[in-house]
Amino acid sequence: MKLHAFFLVVLSFASPTAIADPPSADKVLTDARASAVAEQKAIFVHFGASWCPWCVRLDAFLDRADIKSVFERYFVPVKLVVMESAKNKPLENPGADVLMTNFGGALAGLPFSAFLDAKGSLIVNSKCPSASNSGSANIGYPSEPAEVDWFVQMMRKAAPKMAEKDLKTIETALRNASVKPGGAAPVNVPPPASPQPTHTVP
């Protein structure tokens, strides 16, 4: 019985690792480049984490049937997981944090996104130049009017031949879904772990 229990314990620890680990960010991007070259499209890479409500919302938006069919005429979408909480670290794509930095996303906040050409070179990212100063701010999920404006500009830069009606479809959908789900957590600050219960000595 003890031996049987031992094997159960081993299997319980082995099972999660038996499931395929997330591919490396380089592997994901290599596959995306191959698709982009073959289909003559640009690449849309977005970085997110499971604790980030804005990331979840962006995923849902891109997966909408009316958006997916239009967006993927011009772009190869790529999702990379970064900055996960301790319990969800296995969800991360190895090397995704480095790519995010390379594309200008260091300390930018989540979600962070960028359009790349078919060779994987940066065309434009989600950091919108600010008119008030020399810096720029990440639009994250584009919900405010100025953020939607910048996302439309990003698409124009990445796919100059994108049909105006298709641009308008995505723009209108974003403007119509502008109700915010709540504040987004800044990058490098996943939600704090639940406080440990305190024990009092009688």
Protein backbone atom coordinates (compact mmCIF):
# COMPACT_ATOMS: atom_id res chain seq x y z
CA MET A 1 0.00 0.00 0.00
CA LYS A 2 2.79 2.45 0.85
CA LEU A 3 4.49 1.67 -2.47
CA HIS A 4 1.24 2.24 -4.35
CA ALA A 5 0.73 5.53 -2.53
CA PHE A 6 4.28 6.54 -3.44
CA PHE A 7 3.60 5.99 -7.14
CA LEU A 8 0.41 8.02 -6.88
CA VAL A 9 2.40 10.89 -5.42
CA VAL A 10 5.01 10.63 -8.17
CA LEU A 11 2.33 10.59 -10.86
CA SER A 12 0.55 13.55 -9.35
CA PHE A 13 3.75 15.58 -9.59
CA ALA A 14 4.67 14.20 -13.00
CA SER A 15 1.31 14.78 -14.69
CA PRO A 16 1.56 18.58 -15.05
CA THR A 17 5.00 18.33 -16.66
CA ALA A 18 3.79 15.51 -18.90
CA ILE A 19 1.51 18.07 -20.54
CA ALA A 20 3.42 19.90 -23.26
CA ASP A 21 5.22 22.97 -21.96
CA PRO A 22 4.47 26.27 -23.74
CA PRO A 23 6.72 26.71 -26.78
CA SER A 24 9.51 29.25 -26.59
CA ALA A 25 8.77 32.75 -27.80
CA ASP A 26 11.38 32.31 -30.54
CA LYS A 27 9.62 29.16 -31.79
CA VAL A 28 6.23 30.89 -31.80
CA LEU A 29 7.63 33.87 -33.68
CA THR A 30 9.50 31.65 -36.16
CA ASP A 31 6.23 29.87 -37.01
CA ALA A 32 4.46 33.22 -37.32
CA ARG A 33 7.13 34.54 -39.69
CA ALA A 34 6.74 31.48 -41.90
CA SER A 35 2.97 32.03 -42.07
CA ALA A 36 3.38 35.76 -42.67
CA VAL A 37 5.77 35.19 -45.57
CA ALA A 38 3.57 32.51 -47.14
CA GLU A 39 0.38 34.57 -46.74
CA GLN A 40 1.96 37.98 -47.38
CA LYS A 41 0.75 39.40 -44.07
CA ALA A 42 2.16 41.33 -41.16
CA ILE A 43 2.41 39.87 -37.64
CA PHE A 44 0.47 41.13 -34.63
CA VAL A 45 2.12 40.04 -31.40
CA HIS A 46 0.52 40.77 -28.07
CA PHE A 47 1.89 40.06 -24.61
CA GLY A 48 -0.34 39.28 -21.67
CA ALA A 49 -0.90 37.33 -18.46
CA SER A 50 -3.79 35.45 -16.89
CA TRP A 51 -4.09 37.93 -13.99
CA CYS A 52 -4.56 40.91 -16.34
CA PRO A 53 -8.25 41.72 -17.10
CA TRP A 54 -7.32 43.92 -20.06
CA CYS A 55 -5.34 41.03 -21.59
CA VAL A 56 -8.32 38.72 -21.25
CA ARG A 57 -10.49 41.33 -22.88
CA LEU A 58 -8.09 41.77 -25.80
CA ASP A 59 -8.00 37.99 -26.31
CA ALA A 60 -11.80 37.90 -26.37
CA PHE A 61 -12.01 40.82 -28.81
CA LEU A 62 -9.57 39.22 -31.27
CA ASP A 63 -11.50 35.94 -31.01
CA ARG A 64 -14.85 37.50 -31.93
CA ALA A 65 -16.07 35.97 -35.20
CA ASP A 66 -16.76 39.35 -36.78
CA ILE A 67 -13.29 40.65 -35.83
CA LYS A 68 -11.24 37.49 -36.35
CA SER A 69 -12.33 37.06 -39.97
CA VAL A 70 -11.39 40.66 -40.80
CA PHE A 71 -8.23 41.01 -38.72
CA GLU A 72 -6.68 37.78 -39.96
CA ARG A 73 -7.02 38.81 -43.60
CA TYR A 74 -4.07 41.11 -42.99
CA PHE A 75 -2.30 39.91 -39.84
CA VAL A 76 -0.95 36.73 -38.26
CA PRO A 77 -1.90 37.03 -34.57
CA VAL A 78 0.56 35.82 -31.94
CA LYS A 79 -0.08 35.65 -28.19
CA LEU A 80 2.88 35.42 -25.81
CA VAL A 81 2.51 34.98 -22.06
CA VAL A 82 4.73 37.02 -19.72
CA MET A 83 4.85 38.25 -16.15
CA GLU A 84 2.72 35.50 -14.68
CA SER A 85 2.09 35.15 -10.97
CA ALA A 86 4.16 32.53 -9.16
CA LYS A 87 1.54 29.79 -9.38
CA ASN A 88 1.08 30.32 -13.13
CA LYS A 89 4.74 30.71 -14.12
CA PRO A 90 4.56 27.47 -16.16
CA LEU A 91 2.17 29.27 -18.54
CA GLU A 92 4.87 31.67 -19.71
CA ASN A 93 6.52 31.34 -23.10
CA PRO A 94 10.26 31.16 -22.38
CA GLY A 95 12.02 34.22 -23.74
CA ALA A 96 8.84 36.24 -24.22
CA ASP A 97 9.98 38.85 -21.71
CA VAL A 98 13.11 39.45 -23.78
CA LEU A 99 11.09 39.87 -26.98
CA MET A 100 8.72 42.26 -25.23
CA THR A 101 11.69 44.40 -24.21
CA ASN A 102 13.18 44.22 -27.71
CA PHE A 103 9.92 45.51 -29.18
CA GLY A 104 9.90 48.48 -26.79
CA GLY A 105 7.70 47.08 -24.03
CA ALA A 106 9.98 47.25 -21.00
CA LEU A 107 7.86 48.56 -18.11
CA ALA A 108 5.11 49.49 -20.60
CA GLY A 109 2.26 47.65 -18.88
CA LEU A 110 0.05 44.80 -20.03
CA PRO A 111 -1.27 44.08 -22.52
CA PHE A 112 1.53 45.29 -24.76
CA SER A 113 1.37 44.76 -28.51
CA ALA A 114 3.36 45.33 -31.67
CA PHE A 115 3.01 44.88 -35.40
CA LEU A 116 5.97 43.25 -37.14
CA ASP A 117 6.81 42.71 -40.78
CA ALA A 118 7.03 39.20 -42.20
CA LYS A 119 10.71 39.02 -41.19
CA GLY A 120 9.86 39.80 -37.57
CA SER A 121 11.13 43.39 -37.56
CA LEU A 122 9.19 45.99 -35.60
CA ILE A 123 6.87 48.26 -37.58
CA VAL A 124 5.03 49.96 -34.71
CA ASN A 125 4.11 49.19 -31.11
CA SER A 126 1.29 50.12 -28.76
CA LYS A 127 3.18 53.02 -27.15
CA CYS A 128 1.38 56.09 -28.42
CA PRO A 129 3.50 59.25 -28.70
CA SER A 130 2.29 61.88 -26.27
CA ALA A 131 1.61 65.39 -27.49
CA SER A 132 2.19 66.79 -24.01
CA ASN A 133 5.74 65.53 -23.58
CA SER A 134 8.52 63.70 -25.36
CA GLY A 135 7.49 60.33 -23.92
CA SER A 136 4.90 57.78 -24.93
CA ALA A 137 2.30 55.65 -23.19
CA ASN A 138 1.18 52.10 -23.84
CA ILE A 139 -2.48 52.01 -24.92
CA GLY A 140 -2.91 48.43 -23.68
CA TYR A 141 -6.41 47.40 -24.71
CA PRO A 142 -7.65 50.36 -26.78
CA SER A 143 -10.80 51.56 -25.03
CA GLU A 144 -10.41 55.34 -24.87
CA PRO A 145 -10.97 57.36 -28.10
CA ALA A 146 -7.31 58.38 -28.38
CA GLU A 147 -6.23 54.76 -27.80
CA VAL A 148 -8.53 53.53 -30.56
CA ASP A 149 -7.13 56.24 -32.83
CA TRP A 150 -3.60 54.99 -32.21
CA PHE A 151 -4.56 51.35 -32.80
CA VAL A 152 -6.10 52.33 -36.14
CA GLN A 153 -2.86 54.14 -37.03
CA MET A 154 -0.92 51.03 -36.06
CA MET A 155 -2.98 48.91 -38.43
CA ARG A 156 -2.55 51.44 -41.23
CA LYS A 157 1.22 51.39 -40.80
CA ALA A 158 1.39 47.60 -40.65
CA ALA A 159 -1.01 46.95 -43.55
CA PRO A 160 -1.06 49.99 -45.87
CA LYS A 161 -3.34 48.15 -48.30
CA MET A 162 -5.94 47.28 -45.65
CA ALA A 163 -9.40 48.08 -47.00
CA GLU A 164 -11.01 51.13 -45.42
CA LYS A 165 -14.19 49.19 -44.67
CA ASP A 166 -12.17 46.58 -42.76
CA LEU A 167 -10.40 49.24 -40.74
CA LYS A 168 -13.77 50.77 -39.98
CA THR A 169 -15.19 47.42 -38.85
CA ILE A 170 -12.48 47.03 -36.20
CA GLU A 171 -12.52 50.69 -35.20
CA THR A 172 -16.29 50.74 -34.75
CA ALA A 173 -16.25 47.53 -32.72
CA LEU A 174 -13.62 48.98 -30.37
CA ARG A 175 -15.52 52.24 -29.91
CA ASN A 176 -18.75 50.37 -29.23
CA ALA A 177 -17.06 48.21 -26.60
CA SER A 178 -15.50 51.07 -24.66
CA VAL A 179 -16.88 50.27 -21.20
CA LYS A 180 -13.90 49.53 -19.00
CA PRO A 181 -13.68 46.35 -16.90
CA GLY A 182 -11.55 48.02 -14.22
CA GLY A 183 -8.03 49.31 -13.86
CA ALA A 184 -5.17 47.40 -15.39
CA ALA A 185 -2.28 46.27 -13.25
CA PRO A 186 1.10 47.75 -14.22
CA VAL A 187 3.80 45.55 -15.65
CA ASN A 188 6.07 43.73 -13.20
CA VAL A 189 3.35 43.89 -10.55
CA PRO A 190 1.13 40.80 -10.74
CA PRO A 191 -1.75 40.73 -8.25
CA PRO A 192 -0.46 40.24 -4.72
CA ALA A 193 -0.70 36.74 -3.35
CA SER A 194 -3.58 36.08 -0.97
CA PRO A 195 -2.52 36.85 2.59
CA GLN A 196 -1.61 33.84 4.65
CA PRO A 197 -4.02 33.06 7.48
CA THR A 198 -2.80 34.11 10.87
CA HIS A 199 -2.88 31.74 13.82
CA THR A 200 -3.29 32.88 17.37
CA VAL A 201 -2.01 30.92 20.29
CA PRO A 202 -4.77 30.35 22.82
